[in-house]
Structure formats: C-alpha cells, structure tokens
C-alpha cells in the first residue's frame, strides 16, 4: 500500500517486469494498493500468497486482503 500514487505505479512496473500482472486498487482510506491476483476461493488465495513468499523472497511480507460481502 502506498499513499502516493506515483510510488504505487513504480512498484506496479517493477512487478510487471517480474512476470506479474498487477493492478492498483484505491482503498477506502485513500491508499493505493498494488494487487497481483484476485480469487474467489480463500484457500487458493492463501496458497498463492505462500507461493509468492517462497519464490520471491523479497516479497516475504506479501499479504492477503479479504473483502467481506
């Protein structure tokens, strides 16, 4: 998450160069969240987060956002 949209755009570009297909989501508090995947199944989402943490150690702090309906 970034307060400045320019920082989010730079990070999005970095992730794109690493094979991700990121998008930027604006949070309800005004932060720019860089998102790399979206899932309807929580188990699959958690598995993907773990995969990212393992394959990309620099993103060991990747996290999962769960939106309640």
Protein backbone atom coordinates (compact mmCIF):
# COMPACT_ATOMS: atom_id res chain seq x y z
CA UNK A 1 0.00 0.00 0.00
CA UNK A 2 1.23 3.46 -0.87
CA UNK A 3 -0.02 6.92 -0.03
CA UNK A 4 1.46 8.36 -3.22
CA UNK A 5 0.06 7.02 -6.49
CA UNK A 6 3.44 7.54 -8.17
CA UNK A 7 5.04 5.06 -5.77
CA UNK A 8 2.30 2.53 -6.47
CA UNK A 9 2.83 2.96 -10.21
CA UNK A 10 6.58 2.38 -9.85
CA UNK A 11 6.00 -0.77 -7.81
CA UNK A 12 3.41 -1.95 -10.33
CA UNK A 13 6.00 -1.56 -13.10
CA UNK A 14 8.57 -3.48 -11.06
CA UNK A 15 6.15 -6.35 -10.52
CA UNK A 16 5.19 -6.31 -14.19
CA UNK A 17 8.83 -6.75 -15.17
CA UNK A 18 8.94 -9.83 -12.92
CA UNK A 19 6.05 -11.56 -14.70
CA UNK A 20 3.16 -10.40 -12.54
CA UNK A 21 0.08 -8.67 -13.96
CA UNK A 22 -0.62 -6.17 -11.16
CA UNK A 23 -3.42 -3.65 -10.81
CA UNK A 24 -3.82 -0.75 -8.39
CA UNK A 25 -6.82 -0.59 -6.08
CA UNK A 26 -7.77 2.53 -4.16
CA UNK A 27 -8.60 1.67 -0.55
CA UNK A 28 -11.40 3.24 1.45
CA UNK A 29 -8.75 5.20 3.36
CA UNK A 30 -7.09 6.57 0.21
CA UNK A 31 -4.13 4.20 -0.02
CA UNK A 32 -3.05 2.81 -3.38
CA UNK A 33 -2.86 -0.98 -3.03
CA UNK A 34 -0.89 -2.92 -5.60
CA UNK A 35 -2.68 -6.20 -6.23
CA UNK A 36 -1.20 -9.14 -8.16
CA UNK A 37 -4.09 -11.63 -8.08
CA UNK A 38 -7.76 -11.92 -7.23
CA UNK A 39 -9.53 -15.08 -6.08
CA UNK A 40 -13.00 -16.13 -5.04
CA UNK A 41 -11.60 -19.13 -3.14
CA UNK A 42 -9.71 -18.25 0.05
CA UNK A 43 -7.67 -21.49 0.06
CA UNK A 44 -6.34 -20.78 -3.44
CA UNK A 45 -5.56 -17.20 -2.45
CA UNK A 46 -3.62 -18.29 0.62
CA UNK A 47 -1.72 -20.85 -1.44
CA UNK A 48 -0.76 -18.13 -3.96
CA UNK A 49 0.47 -15.81 -1.20
CA UNK A 50 2.66 -18.61 0.15
CA UNK A 51 3.96 -19.33 -3.36
CA UNK A 52 4.90 -15.68 -3.86
CA UNK A 53 6.65 -15.58 -0.47
CA UNK A 54 8.63 -18.71 -1.36
CA UNK A 55 9.53 -17.92 -4.98
CA UNK A 56 10.15 -14.21 -4.42
CA UNK A 57 11.91 -13.83 -1.03
CA UNK A 58 11.97 -10.06 -1.49
CA UNK A 59 8.16 -10.20 -1.09
CA UNK A 60 8.19 -12.21 2.13
CA UNK A 61 5.75 -9.66 3.51
CA UNK A 62 3.09 -10.20 0.81
CA UNK A 63 -0.35 -10.27 2.37
CA UNK A 64 -3.91 -11.28 1.63
CA UNK A 65 -6.81 -8.85 1.62
CA UNK A 66 -10.17 -10.47 2.29
CA UNK A 67 -13.18 -8.38 1.46
CA UNK A 68 -16.38 -9.30 3.22
CA UNK A 69 -19.54 -9.07 1.15
